[in-house]
C-alpha cells in the first residue's frame, strides 16, 4: 500500500495491521507521524484535554562495562568521572520527585561490575 493510502486509512479511523504500521513508520516523515498520532488522540479524546505525568530517571551509576556504541553516558571502570550514588542520595531524589507531584520513577544505570545484583 502507498504511504498516502495508509495515511488516509489512519485519518479515517481505520486500524492498521502490523505490516501497514511498519510501512508507515518507515516511509512517513516524523512530522507526519506526529500529526497522525495527534489526530488519533483528538478523535479518541475530543474534549481537548491532554495530561502528562511527572516522572524522573535516576541514574544510580554511570560505570559500565557494556560499551554500547550509542551511549555517551557511561564511564569505564576506574574512570575519575565514574560514580555510584549512595542510597541517601537516591532517596533524596525520590523525595524530590514526590514533592513535585511525581508519579513515576525509573532507576537506571550502567553494568557496574562492583555492584552486586542484589544491590
PDB file of N, CA and C in Angstrom:
ATOM      1  N   UNK A   1       0.856  -1.172   0.000  1.00  0.00           N
ATOM      2  CA  UNK A   1       0.000   0.000   0.000  1.00  0.00           C
ATOM      3  C   UNK A   1       0.905   1.239   0.000  1.00  0.00           C
ATOM      4  N   UNK A   2       0.484   2.285  -0.674  1.00  0.00           N
ATOM      5  CA  UNK A   2       1.244   3.519  -0.708  1.00  0.00           C
ATOM      6  C   UNK A   2       1.075   4.276   0.606  1.00  0.00           C
ATOM      7  N   UNK A   3       2.049   5.096   0.927  1.00  0.00           N
ATOM      8  CA  UNK A   3       2.009   5.881   2.163  1.00  0.00           C
ATOM      9  C   UNK A   3       0.741   6.739   2.210  1.00  0.00           C
ATOM     10  N   UNK A   4       0.386   7.358   1.087  1.00  0.00           N
ATOM     11  CA  UNK A   4      -0.824   8.199   1.048  1.00  0.00           C
ATOM     12  C   UNK A   4      -2.065   7.405   1.455  1.00  0.00           C
ATOM     13  N   UNK A   5      -2.157   6.167   0.988  1.00  0.00           N
ATOM     14  CA  UNK A   5      -3.301   5.322   1.313  1.00  0.00           C
ATOM     15  C   UNK A   5      -3.307   4.964   2.799  1.00  0.00           C
ATOM     16  N   UNK A   6      -2.124   4.692   3.351  1.00  0.00           N
ATOM     17  CA  UNK A   6      -2.036   4.373   4.778  1.00  0.00           C
ATOM     18  C   UNK A   6      -2.399   5.587   5.625  1.00  0.00           C
ATOM     19  N   UNK A   7      -1.944   6.757   5.207  1.00  0.00           N
ATOM     20  CA  UNK A   7      -2.291   7.988   5.918  1.00  0.00           C
ATOM     21  C   UNK A   7      -3.796   8.192   5.899  1.00  0.00           C
ATOM     22  N   UNK A   8      -4.407   8.023   4.727  1.00  0.00           N
ATOM     23  CA  UNK A   8      -5.864   8.173   4.626  1.00  0.00           C
ATOM     24  C   UNK A   8      -6.590   7.162   5.510  1.00  0.00           C
ATOM     25  N   UNK A   9      -6.105   5.931   5.524  1.00  0.00           N
ATOM     26  CA  UNK A   9      -6.732   4.890   6.348  1.00  0.00           C
ATOM     27  C   UNK A   9      -6.666   5.268   7.828  1.00  0.00           C
ATOM     28  N   UNK A  10      -5.506   5.729   8.259  1.00  0.00           N
ATOM     29  CA  UNK A  10      -5.343   6.121   9.663  1.00  0.00           C
ATOM     30  C   UNK A  10      -6.219   7.325   9.985  1.00  0.00           C
ATOM     31  N   UNK A  11      -6.255   8.306   9.095  1.00  0.00           N
ATOM     32  CA  UNK A  11      -7.057   9.517   9.328  1.00  0.00           C
ATOM     33  C   UNK A  11      -8.552   9.204   9.356  1.00  0.00           C
ATOM     34  N   UNK A  12      -8.962   8.180   8.597  1.00  0.00           N
ATOM     35  CA  UNK A  12     -10.370   7.793   8.557  1.00  0.00           C
ATOM     36  C   UNK A  12     -10.765   6.891   9.725  1.00  0.00           C
ATOM     37  N   UNK A  13      -9.815   6.642  10.629  1.00  0.00           N
ATOM     38  CA  UNK A  13     -10.108   5.825  11.798  1.00  0.00           C
ATOM     39  C   UNK A  13      -9.908   4.352  11.579  1.00  0.00           C
ATOM     40  N   UNK A  14      -9.322   3.969  10.453  1.00  0.00           N
ATOM     41  CA  UNK A  14      -9.068   2.563  10.179  1.00  0.00           C
ATOM     42  C   UNK A  14      -7.934   2.019  11.036  1.00  0.00           C
ATOM     43  N   UNK A  15      -8.005   0.746  11.263  1.00  0.00           N
ATOM     44  CA  UNK A  15      -6.969   0.071  12.060  1.00  0.00           C
ATOM     45  C   UNK A  15      -5.891  -0.453  11.111  1.00  0.00           C
ATOM     46  N   UNK A  16      -4.642  -0.057  11.348  1.00  0.00           N
ATOM     47  CA  UNK A  16      -3.533  -0.546  10.541  1.00  0.00           C
ATOM     48  C   UNK A  16      -3.059  -1.876  11.098  1.00  0.00           C
ATOM     49  N   UNK A  17      -2.787  -2.814  10.218  1.00  0.00           N
ATOM     50  CA  UNK A  17      -2.202  -4.066  10.704  1.00  0.00           C
ATOM     51  C   UNK A  17      -0.701  -3.845  10.912  1.00  0.00           C
ATOM     52  N   UNK A  18      -0.050  -4.853  11.406  1.00  0.00           N
ATOM     53  CA  UNK A  18       1.372  -4.742  11.764  1.00  0.00           C
ATOM     54  C   UNK A  18       2.237  -4.331  10.562  1.00  0.00           C
ATOM     55  N   UNK A  19       2.016  -4.958   9.419  1.00  0.00           N
ATOM     56  CA  UNK A  19       2.811  -4.651   8.226  1.00  0.00           C
ATOM     57  C   UNK A  19       2.548  -3.226   7.747  1.00  0.00           C
ATOM     58  N   UNK A  20       1.299  -2.807   7.798  1.00  0.00           N
ATOM     59  CA  UNK A  20       0.965  -1.444   7.380  1.00  0.00           C
ATOM     60  C   UNK A  20       1.589  -0.415   8.316  1.00  0.00           C
ATOM     61  N   UNK A  21       1.523  -0.690   9.598  1.00  0.00           N
ATOM     62  CA  UNK A  21       2.110   0.239  10.567  1.00  0.00           C
ATOM     63  C   UNK A  21       3.617   0.370  10.354  1.00  0.00           C
ATOM     64  N   UNK A  22       4.278  -0.742  10.097  1.00  0.00           N
ATOM     65  CA  UNK A  22       5.717  -0.706   9.845  1.00  0.00           C
ATOM     66  C   UNK A  22       6.022   0.068   8.571  1.00  0.00           C
ATOM     67  N   UNK A  23       5.232  -0.166   7.545  1.00  0.00           N
ATOM     68  CA  UNK A  23       5.429   0.545   6.276  1.00  0.00           C
ATOM     69  C   UNK A  23       5.254   2.054   6.474  1.00  0.00           C
ATOM     70  N   UNK A  24       4.244   2.437   7.233  1.00  0.00           N
ATOM     71  CA  UNK A  24       4.008   3.854   7.512  1.00  0.00           C
ATOM     72  C   UNK A  24       5.156   4.431   8.331  1.00  0.00           C
ATOM     73  N   UNK A  25       5.586   3.706   9.339  1.00  0.00           N
ATOM     74  CA  UNK A  25       6.681   4.160  10.200  1.00  0.00           C
ATOM     75  C   UNK A  25       7.964   4.379   9.395  1.00  0.00           C
ATOM     76  N   UNK A  26       8.248   3.462   8.493  1.00  0.00           N
ATOM     77  CA  UNK A  26       9.478   3.557   7.705  1.00  0.00           C
ATOM     78  C   UNK A  26       9.373   4.563   6.564  1.00  0.00           C
ATOM     79  N   UNK A  27       8.160   4.832   6.082  1.00  0.00           N
ATOM     80  CA  UNK A  27       8.014   5.657   4.896  1.00  0.00           C
ATOM     81  C   UNK A  27       7.529   7.080   5.123  1.00  0.00           C
ATOM     82  N   UNK A  28       7.000   7.366   6.283  1.00  0.00           N
ATOM     83  CA  UNK A  28       6.457   8.704   6.553  1.00  0.00           C
ATOM     84  C   UNK A  28       7.460   9.525   7.356  1.00  0.00           C
ATOM     85  N   UNK A  29       7.359  10.817   7.223  1.00  0.00           N
ATOM     86  CA  UNK A  29       8.235  11.706   7.995  1.00  0.00           C
ATOM     87  C   UNK A  29       7.822  11.688   9.468  1.00  0.00           C
ATOM     88  N   UNK A  30       8.726  12.070  10.319  1.00  0.00           N
ATOM     89  CA  UNK A  30       8.423  12.152  11.749  1.00  0.00           C
ATOM     90  C   UNK A  30       7.299  13.149  11.988  1.00  0.00           C
ATOM     91  N   UNK A  31       7.327  14.260  11.261  1.00  0.00           N
ATOM     92  CA  UNK A  31       6.272  15.265  11.423  1.00  0.00           C
ATOM     93  C   UNK A  31       4.901  14.700  11.062  1.00  0.00           C
ATOM     94  N   UNK A  32       4.841  13.931   9.992  1.00  0.00           N
ATOM     95  CA  UNK A  32       3.567  13.330   9.582  1.00  0.00           C
ATOM     96  C   UNK A  32       3.101  12.311  10.616  1.00  0.00           C
ATOM     97  N   UNK A  33       4.004  11.490  11.103  1.00  0.00           N
ATOM     98  CA  UNK A  33       3.630  10.513  12.130  1.00  0.00           C
ATOM     99  C   UNK A  33       3.099  11.218  13.377  1.00  0.00           C
ATOM    100  N   UNK A  34       3.734  12.304  13.757  1.00  0.00           N
ATOM    101  CA  UNK A  34       3.269  13.076  14.910  1.00  0.00           C
ATOM    102  C   UNK A  34       1.883  13.651  14.687  1.00  0.00           C
ATOM    103  N   UNK A  35       1.640  14.154  13.474  1.00  0.00           N
ATOM    104  CA  UNK A  35       0.326  14.712  13.138  1.00  0.00           C
ATOM    105  C   UNK A  35      -0.746  13.630  13.190  1.00  0.00           C
ATOM    106  N   UNK A  36      -0.436  12.457  12.640  1.00  0.00           N
ATOM    107  CA  UNK A  36      -1.394  11.345  12.675  1.00  0.00           C
ATOM    108  C   UNK A  36      -1.684  10.921  14.111  1.00  0.00           C
ATOM    109  N   UNK A  37      -0.652  10.851  14.924  1.00  0.00           N
ATOM    110  CA  UNK A  37      -0.849  10.482  16.330  1.00  0.00           C
ATOM    111  C   UNK A  37      -1.726  11.513  17.040  1.00  0.00           C
ATOM    112  N   UNK A  38      -1.488  12.793  16.765  1.00  0.00           N
ATOM    113  CA  UNK A  38      -2.302  13.847  17.365  1.00  0.00           C
ATOM    114  C   UNK A  38      -3.753  13.749  16.891  1.00  0.00           C
ATOM    115  N   UNK A  39      -3.941  13.404  15.627  1.00  0.00           N
ATOM    116  CA  UNK A  39      -5.300  13.234  15.095  1.00  0.00           C
ATOM    117  C   UNK A  39      -6.033  12.088  15.789  1.00  0.00           C
ATOM    118  N   UNK A  40      -5.340  10.976  15.980  1.00  0.00           N
ATOM    119  CA  UNK A  40      -5.947   9.824  16.663  1.00  0.00           C
ATOM    120  C   UNK A  40      -6.298  10.197  18.098  1.00  0.00           C
ATOM    121  N   UNK A  41      -5.361  10.880  18.785  1.00  0.00           N
ATOM    122  CA  UNK A  41      -5.632  11.304  20.162  1.00  0.00           C
ATOM    123  C   UNK A  41      -6.850  12.210  20.214  1.00  0.00           C
ATOM    124  N   UNK A  42      -6.946  13.167  19.287  1.00  0.00           N
ATOM    125  CA  UNK A  42      -8.084  14.091  19.272  1.00  0.00           C
ATOM    126  C   UNK A  42      -9.396  13.357  18.990  1.00  0.00           C
ATOM    127  N   UNK A  43      -9.332  12.338  18.134  1.00  0.00           N
ATOM    128  CA  UNK A  43     -10.540  11.559  17.837  1.00  0.00           C
ATOM    129  C   UNK A  43     -10.977  10.750  19.062  1.00  0.00           C
ATOM    130  N   UNK A  44     -10.015  10.194  19.770  1.00  0.00           N
ATOM    131  CA  UNK A  44     -10.351   9.366  20.941  1.00  0.00           C
ATOM    132  C   UNK A  44     -10.705  10.208  22.166  1.00  0.00           C
ATOM    133  N   UNK A  45     -10.179  11.425  22.223  1.00  0.00           N
ATOM    134  CA  UNK A  45     -10.400  12.306  23.375  1.00  0.00           C
ATOM    135  C   UNK A  45     -10.775  13.699  22.868  1.00  0.00           C
ATOM    136  N   UNK A  46     -11.985  13.840  22.353  1.00  0.00           N
ATOM    137  CA  UNK A  46     -12.387  15.080  21.683  1.00  0.00           C
ATOM    138  C   UNK A  46     -12.537  16.293  22.603  1.00  0.00           C
ATOM    139  N   UNK A  47     -12.488  16.089  23.900  1.00  0.00           N
ATOM    140  CA  UNK A  47     -12.637  17.228  24.808  1.00  0.00           C
ATOM    141  C   UNK A  47     -11.406  18.127  24.810  1.00  0.00           C
ATOM    142  N   UNK A  48     -10.326  17.707  24.164  1.00  0.00           N
ATOM    143  CA  UNK A  48      -9.139  18.552  24.026  1.00  0.00           C
ATOM    144  C   UNK A  48      -8.226  18.572  25.227  1.00  0.00           C
ATOM    145  N   UNK A  49      -8.490  17.731  26.195  1.00  0.00           N
ATOM    146  CA  UNK A  49      -7.652  17.704  27.388  1.00  0.00           C
ATOM    147  C   UNK A  49      -6.536  16.681  27.195  1.00  0.00           C
ATOM    148  N   UNK A  50      -5.319  17.135  27.412  1.00  0.00           N
ATOM    149  CA  UNK A  50      -4.153  16.258  27.333  1.00  0.00           C
ATOM    150  C   UNK A  50      -3.469  16.315  28.689  1.00  0.00           C
ATOM    151  N   UNK A  51      -3.124  15.169  29.212  1.00  0.00           N
ATOM    152  CA  UNK A  51      -2.449  15.153  30.510  1.00  0.00           C
ATOM    153  C   UNK A  51      -1.081  14.507  30.383  1.00  0.00           C
ATOM    154  N   UNK A  52      -0.258  14.807  31.326  1.00  0.00           N
ATOM    155  CA  UNK A  52       1.093  14.270  31.362  1.00  0.00           C
ATOM    156  C   UNK A  52       1.376  13.802  32.777  1.00  0.00           C
ATOM    157  N   UNK A  53       2.386  12.993  32.899  1.00  0.00           N
ATOM    158  CA  UNK A  53       2.807  12.587  34.231  1.00  0.00           C
ATOM    159  C   UNK A  53       4.154  13.224  34.520  1.00  0.00           C
ATOM    160  N   UNK A  54       4.414  13.416  35.782  1.00  0.00           N
ATOM    161  CA  UNK A  54       5.723  13.886  36.216  1.00  0.00           C
ATOM    162  C   UNK A  54       6.516  12.648  36.588  1.00  0.00           C
ATOM    163  N   UNK A  55       7.657  12.481  35.948  1.00  0.00           N
ATOM    164  CA  UNK A  55       8.497  11.327  36.250  1.00  0.00           C
ATOM    165  C   UNK A  55       9.951  11.758  36.301  1.00  0.00           C
ATOM    166  N   UNK A  56      10.789  10.839  36.673  1.00  0.00           N
ATOM    167  CA  UNK A  56      12.214  11.140  36.790  1.00  0.00           C
ATOM    168  C   UNK A  56      13.016   9.878  36.547  1.00  0.00           C
ATOM    169  N   UNK A  57      14.125  10.048  35.858  1.00  0.00           N
ATOM    170  CA  UNK A  57      15.112   8.977  35.709  1.00  0.00           C
ATOM    171  C   UNK A  57      16.228   9.246  36.705  1.00  0.00           C
ATOM    172  N   UNK A  58      16.479   8.290  37.556  1.00  0.00           N
ATOM    173  CA  UNK A  58      17.592   8.392  38.500  1.00  0.00           C
ATOM    174  C   UNK A  58      18.679   7.439  38.026  1.00  0.00           C
ATOM    175  N   UNK A  59      19.790   7.990  37.634  1.00  0.00           N
ATOM    176  CA  UNK A  59      20.936   7.205  37.180  1.00  0.00           C
ATOM    177  C   UNK A  59      21.834   6.943  38.379  1.00  0.00           C
ATOM    178  N   UNK A  60      21.770   5.746  38.908  1.00  0.00           N
ATOM    179  CA  UNK A  60      22.491   5.437  40.134  1.00  0.00           C
ATOM    180  C   UNK A  60      23.972   5.188  39.909  1.00  0.00           C
ATOM    181  N   UNK A  61      24.373   4.859  38.679  1.00  0.00           N
ATOM    182  CA  UNK A  61      25.793   4.732  38.359  1.00  0.00           C
ATOM    183  C   UNK A  61      25.987   4.951  36.865  1.00  0.00           C
ATOM    184  N   UNK A  62      27.134   5.514  36.540  1.00  0.00           N
ATOM    185  CA  UNK A  62      27.478   5.647  35.126  1.00  0.00           C
ATOM    186  C   UNK A  62      28.644   4.719  34.761  1.00  0.00           C
ATOM    187  N   UNK A  63      29.086   3.929  35.706  1.00  0.00           N
ATOM    188  CA  UNK A  63      30.163   2.971  35.449  1.00  0.00           C
ATOM    189  C   UNK A  63      29.552   1.770  34.732  1.00  0.00           C
ATOM    190  N   UNK A  64      30.171   1.412  33.598  1.00  0.00           N
ATOM    191  CA  UNK A  64      29.571   0.353  32.793  1.00  0.00           C
ATOM    192  C   UNK A  64      30.640  -0.364  31.976  1.00  0.00           C
ATOM    193  N   UNK A  65      30.460  -1.674  31.852  1.00  0.00           N
ATOM    194  CA  UNK A  65      31.388  -2.486  31.064  1.00  0.00           C
ATOM    195  C   UNK A  65      30.815  -2.856  29.693  1.00  0.00           C
ATOM    196  N   UNK A  66      29.570  -2.467  29.400  1.00  0.00           N
ATOM    197  CA  UNK A  66      28.931  -2.885  28.153  1.00  0.00           C
ATOM    198  C   UNK A  66      29.506  -2.172  26.923  1.00  0.00           C
ATOM    199  N   UNK A  67      29.888  -0.931  27.060  1.00  0.00           N
ATOM    200  CA  UNK A  67      30.465  -0.139  25.965  1.00  0.00           C
ATOM    201  C   UNK A  67      29.566  -0.096  24.728  1.00  0.00           C
ATOM    202  N   UNK A  68      28.304   0.189  24.928  1.00  0.00           N
ATOM    203  CA  UNK A  68      27.367   0.314  23.813  1.00  0.00           C
ATOM    204  C   UNK A  68      27.790   1.487  22.925  1.00  0.00           C
ATOM    205  N   UNK A  69      27.708   1.292  21.630  1.00  0.00           N
ATOM    206  CA  UNK A  69      28.140   2.322  20.685  1.00  0.00           C
ATOM    207  C   UNK A  69      27.336   3.610  20.773  1.00  0.00           C
ATOM    208  N   UNK A  70      26.080   3.528  21.162  1.00  0.00           N
ATOM    209  CA  UNK A  70      25.213   4.699  21.173  1.00  0.00           C
ATOM    210  C   UNK A  70      25.300   5.509  22.465  1.00  0.00           C
ATOM    211  N   UNK A  71      25.984   4.997  23.481  1.00  0.00           N
ATOM    212  CA  UNK A  71      25.933   5.607  24.809  1.00  0.00           C
ATOM    213  C   UNK A  71      27.102   6.567  25.042  1.00  0.00           C
ATOM    214  N   UNK A  72      26.773   7.800  25.327  1.00  0.00           N
ATOM    215  CA  UNK A  72      27.781   8.793  25.687  1.00  0.00           C
ATOM    216  C   UNK A  72      27.789   9.016  27.198  1.00  0.00           C
ATOM    217  N   UNK A  73      26.975   8.274  27.902  1.00  0.00           N
ATOM    218  CA  UNK A  73      26.785   8.455  29.338  1.00  0.00           C
ATOM    219  C   UNK A  73      27.794   7.665  30.170  1.00  0.00           C
ATOM    220  N   UNK A  74      28.133   6.458  29.747  1.00  0.00           N
ATOM    221  CA  UNK A  74      28.911   5.561  30.588  1.00  0.00           C
ATOM    222  C   UNK A  74      30.362   6.018  30.743  1.00  0.00           C
ATOM    223  N   UNK A  75      30.960   5.541  31.823  1.00  0.00           N
ATOM    224  CA  UNK A  75      32.394   5.706  32.049  1.00  0.00           C
ATOM    225  C   UNK A  75      32.951   4.328  32.382  1.00  0.00           C
ATOM    226  N   UNK A  76      34.149   4.034  31.899  1.00  0.00           N
ATOM    227  CA  UNK A  76      34.727   2.719  32.171  1.00  0.00           C
ATOM    228  C   UNK A  76      35.114   2.573  33.646  1.00  0.00           C
ATOM    229  N   UNK A  77      35.246   1.332  34.072  1.00  0.00           N
ATOM    230  CA  UNK A  77      35.683   1.042  35.440  1.00  0.00           C
ATOM    231  C   UNK A  77      37.003   1.770  35.683  1.00  0.00           C
ATOM    232  N   UNK A  78      37.093   2.446  36.819  1.00  0.00           N
ATOM    233  CA  UNK A  78      38.319   3.153  37.191  1.00  0.00           C
ATOM    234  C   UNK A  78      38.374   4.597  36.733  1.00  0.00           C
ATOM    235  N   UNK A  79      37.405   5.054  35.931  1.00  0.00           N
ATOM    236  CA  UNK A  79      37.402   6.434  35.460  1.00  0.00           C
ATOM    237  C   UNK A  79      37.186   7.402  36.616  1.00  0.00           C
ATOM    238  N   UNK A  80      37.900   8.513  36.584  1.00  0.00           N
ATOM    239  CA  UNK A  80      37.716   9.546  37.602  1.00  0.00           C
ATOM    240  C   UNK A  80      36.326  10.179  37.514  1.00  0.00           C
ATOM    241  N   UNK A  81      35.661  10.039  36.363  1.00  0.00           N
ATOM    242  CA  UNK A  81      34.321  10.588  36.173  1.00  0.00           C
ATOM    243  C   UNK A  81      33.212   9.589  36.516  1.00  0.00           C
ATOM    244  N   UNK A  82      33.583   8.380  36.900  1.00  0.00           N
ATOM    245  CA  UNK A  82      32.592   7.380  37.272  1.00  0.00           C
ATOM    246  C   UNK A  82      32.006   7.674  38.642  1.00  0.00           C
ATOM    247  N   UNK A  83      30.749   7.281  38.832  1.00  0.00           N
ATOM    248  CA  UNK A  83      30.127   7.475  40.141  1.00  0.00           C
ATOM    249  C   UNK A  83      29.118   6.379  40.433  1.00  0.00           C
ATOM    250  N   UNK A  84      28.835   6.230  41.700  1.00  0.00           N
ATOM    251  CA  UNK A  84      27.742   5.401  42.204  1.00  0.00           C
ATOM    252  C   UNK A  84      27.048   6.241  43.267  1.00  0.00           C
ATOM    253  N   UNK A  85      25.759   6.483  43.096  1.00  0.00           N
ATOM    254  CA  UNK A  85      25.016   7.233  44.098  1.00  0.00           C
ATOM    255  C   UNK A  85      24.775   6.360  45.320  1.00  0.00           C
ATOM    256  N   UNK A  86      24.885   6.950  46.467  1.00  0.00           N
ATOM    257  CA  UNK A  86      24.541   6.250  47.703  1.00  0.00           C
ATOM    258  C   UNK A  86      23.034   6.216  47.879  1.00  0.00           C
ATOM    259  N   UNK A  87      22.581   5.336  48.748  1.00  0.00           N
ATOM    260  CA  UNK A  87      21.140   5.215  48.965  1.00  0.00           C
ATOM    261  C   UNK A  87      20.535   6.525  49.470  1.00  0.00           C
ATOM    262  N   UNK A  88      21.269   7.268  50.287  1.00  0.00           N
ATOM    263  CA  UNK A  88      20.749   8.542  50.805  1.00  0.00           C
ATOM    264  C   UNK A  88      20.464   9.512  49.653  1.00  0.00           C
ATOM    265  N   UNK A  89      21.366   9.586  48.700  1.00  0.00           N
ATOM    266  CA  UNK A  89      21.180  10.466  47.539  1.00  0.00           C
ATOM    267  C   UNK A  89      20.026   9.972  46.659  1.00  0.00           C
ATOM    268  N   UNK A  90      19.944   8.675  46.456  1.00  0.00           N
ATOM    269  CA  UNK A  90      18.833   8.116  45.671  1.00  0.00           C
ATOM    270  C   UNK A  90      17.497   8.441  46.335  1.00  0.00           C
ATOM    271  N   UNK A  91      17.407   8.241  47.656  1.00  0.00           N
ATOM    272  CA  UNK A  91      16.161   8.528  48.372  1.00  0.00           C
ATOM    273  C   UNK A  91      15.839  10.029  48.335  1.00  0.00           C
ATOM    274  N   UNK A  92      16.860  10.901  48.352  1.00  0.00           N
ATOM    275  CA  UNK A  92      16.633  12.334  48.251  1.00  0.00           C
ATOM    276  C   UNK A  92      16.008  12.673  46.895  1.00  0.00           C
ATOM    277  N   UNK A  93      16.509  12.050  45.834  1.00  0.00           N
ATOM    278  CA  UNK A  93      15.960  12.289  44.501  1.00  0.00           C
ATOM    279  C   UNK A  93      14.517  11.773  44.403  1.00  0.00           C
ATOM    280  N   UNK A  94      14.245  10.651  45.033  1.00  0.00           N
ATOM    281  CA  UNK A  94      12.878  10.116  45.059  1.00  0.00           C
ATOM    282  C   UNK A  94      11.955  11.083  45.794  1.00  0.00           C
ATOM    283  N   UNK A  95      12.395  11.566  46.952  1.00  0.00           N
ATOM    284  CA  UNK A  95      11.583  12.512  47.727  1.00  0.00           C
ATOM    285  C   UNK A  95      11.335  13.803  46.953  1.00  0.00           C
ATOM    286  N   UNK A  96      12.350  14.300  46.237  1.00  0.00           N
ATOM    287  CA  UNK A  96      12.170  15.497  45.403  1.00  0.00           C
ATOM    288  C   UNK A  96      11.092  15.262  44.351  1.00  0.00           C
ATOM    289  N   UNK A  97      11.133  14.099  43.738  1.00  0.00           N
ATOM    290  CA  UNK A  97      10.164  13.772  42.688  1.00  0.00           C
ATOM    291  C   UNK A  97       8.754  13.731  43.259  1.00  0.00           C
ATOM    292  N   UNK A  98       8.596  13.096  44.395  1.00  0.00           N
ATOM    293  CA  UNK A  98       7.283  13.026  45.051  1.00  0.00           C
ATOM    294  C   UNK A  98       6.794  14.421  45.417  1.00  0.00           C
ATOM    295  N   UNK A  99       7.699  15.271  45.940  1.00  0.00           N
ATOM    296  CA  UNK A  99       7.327  16.631  46.338  1.00  0.00           C
ATOM    297  C   UNK A  99       6.837  17.457  45.146  1.00  0.00           C
ATOM    298  N   UNK A 100       7.310  17.139  43.959  1.00  0.00           N
ATOM    299  CA  UNK A 100       6.888  17.850  42.750  1.00  0.00           C
ATOM    300  C   UNK A 100       5.636  17.232  42.120  1.00  0.00           C
ATOM    301  N   UNK A 101       5.083  16.210  42.768  1.00  0.00           N
ATOM    302  CA  UNK A 101       3.890  15.555  42.245  1.00  0.00           C
ATOM    303  C   UNK A 101       4.205  14.381  41.341  1.00  0.00           C
ATOM    304  N   UNK A 102       5.440  13.933  41.373  1.00  0.00           N
ATOM    305  CA  UNK A 102       5.856  12.824  40.532  1.00  0.00           C
ATOM    306  C   UNK A 102       5.129  11.541  40.862  1.00  0.00           C
ATOM    307  N   UNK A 103       4.826  10.797  39.814  1.00  0.00           N
ATOM    308  CA  UNK A 103       4.120   9.534  39.996  1.00  0.00           C
ATOM    309  C   UNK A 103       4.824   8.353  39.365  1.00  0.00           C
ATOM    310  N   UNK A 104       6.015   8.592  38.825  1.00  0.00           N
ATOM    311  CA  UNK A 104       6.754   7.508  38.178  1.00  0.00           C
ATOM    312  C   UNK A 104       8.240   7.768  38.341  1.00  0.00           C
ATOM    313  N   UNK A 105       8.981   6.692  38.593  1.00  0.00           N
ATOM    314  CA  UNK A 105      10.414   6.794  38.777  1.00  0.00           C
ATOM    315  C   UNK A 105      11.084   5.629  38.069  1.00  0.00           C
ATOM    316  N   UNK A 106      12.142   5.929  37.351  1.00  0.00           N
ATOM    317  CA  UNK A 106      12.917   4.896  36.686  1.00  0.00           C
ATOM    318  C   UNK A 106      14.320   4.911  37.251  1.00  0.00           C
ATOM    319  N   UNK A 107      14.737   3.800  37.805  1.00  0.00           N
ATOM    320  CA  UNK A 107      16.117   3.652  38.257  1.00  0.00           C
ATOM    321  C   UNK A 107      16.892   2.983  37.139  1.00  0.00           C
ATOM    322  N   UNK A 108      17.939   3.638  36.684  1.00  0.00           N
ATOM    323  CA  UNK A 108      18.733   3.063  35.610  1.00  0.00           C
ATOM    324  C   UNK A 108      20.191   3.380  35.857  1.00  0.00           C
ATOM    325  N   UNK A 109      21.034   2.528  35.314  1.00  0.00           N
ATOM    326  CA  UNK A 109      22.458   2.745  35.460  1.00  0.00           C
ATOM    327  C   UNK A 109      23.230   1.745  34.632  1.00  0.00           C
ATOM    328  N   UNK A 110      24.518   1.932  34.654  1.00  0.00           N
ATOM    329  CA  UNK A 110      25.384   1.072  33.872  1.00  0.00           C
ATOM    330  C   UNK A 110      25.525  -0.320  34.461  1.00  0.00           C
ATOM    331  N   UNK A 111      26.192  -1.182  33.689  1.00  0.00           N
ATOM    332  CA  UNK A 111      26.527  -2.528  34.161  1.00  0.00           C
ATOM    333  C   UNK A 111      27.827  -2.403  34.951  1.00  0.00           C
ATOM    334  N   UNK A 112      27.668  -2.053  36.205  1.00  0.00           N
ATOM    335  CA  UNK A 112      28.816  -1.799  37.072  1.00  0.00           C
ATOM    336  C   UNK A 112      29.217  -3.104  37.755  1.00  0.00           C
ATOM    337  N   UNK A 113      30.399  -3.623  37.432  1.00  0.00           N
ATOM    338  CA  UNK A 113      30.804  -4.910  38.000  1.00  0.00           C
ATOM    339  C   UNK A 113      31.046  -4.863  39.506  1.00  0.00           C
ATOM    340  N   UNK A 114      31.155  -3.653  40.070  1.00  0.00           N
ATOM    341  CA  UNK A 114      31.379  -3.530  41.506  1.00  0.00           C
ATOM    342  C   UNK A 114      30.088  -3.528  42.311  1.00  0.00           C
ATOM    343  N   UNK A 115      28.949  -3.530  41.620  1.00  0.00           N
ATOM    344  CA  UNK A 115      27.660  -3.573  42.309  1.00  0.00           C
ATOM    345  C   UNK A 115      27.074  -4.966  42.181  1.00  0.00           C
ATOM    346  N   UNK A 116      26.857  -5.640  43.285  1.00  0.00           N
ATOM    347  CA  UNK A 116      26.244  -6.973  43.205  1.00  0.00           C
ATOM    348  C   UNK A 116      24.806  -6.879  42.717  1.00  0.00           C
ATOM    349  N   UNK A 117      24.301  -7.944  42.148  1.00  0.00           N
ATOM    350  CA  UNK A 117      22.966  -7.959  41.582  1.00  0.00           C
ATOM    351  C   UNK A 117      21.907  -7.552  42.608  1.00  0.00           C
ATOM    352  N   UNK A 118      22.032  -7.985  43.852  1.00  0.00           N
ATOM    353  CA  UNK A 118      21.036  -7.637  44.861  1.00  0.00           C
ATOM    354  C   UNK A 118      21.110  -6.174  45.289  1.00  0.00           C
ATOM    355  N   UNK A 119      22.154  -5.464  44.914  1.00  0.00           N
ATOM    356  CA  UNK A 119      22.245  -4.047  45.216  1.00  0.00           C
ATOM    357  C   UNK A 119      21.134  -3.311  44.536  1.00  0.00           C
TER     358      UNK A 119
END
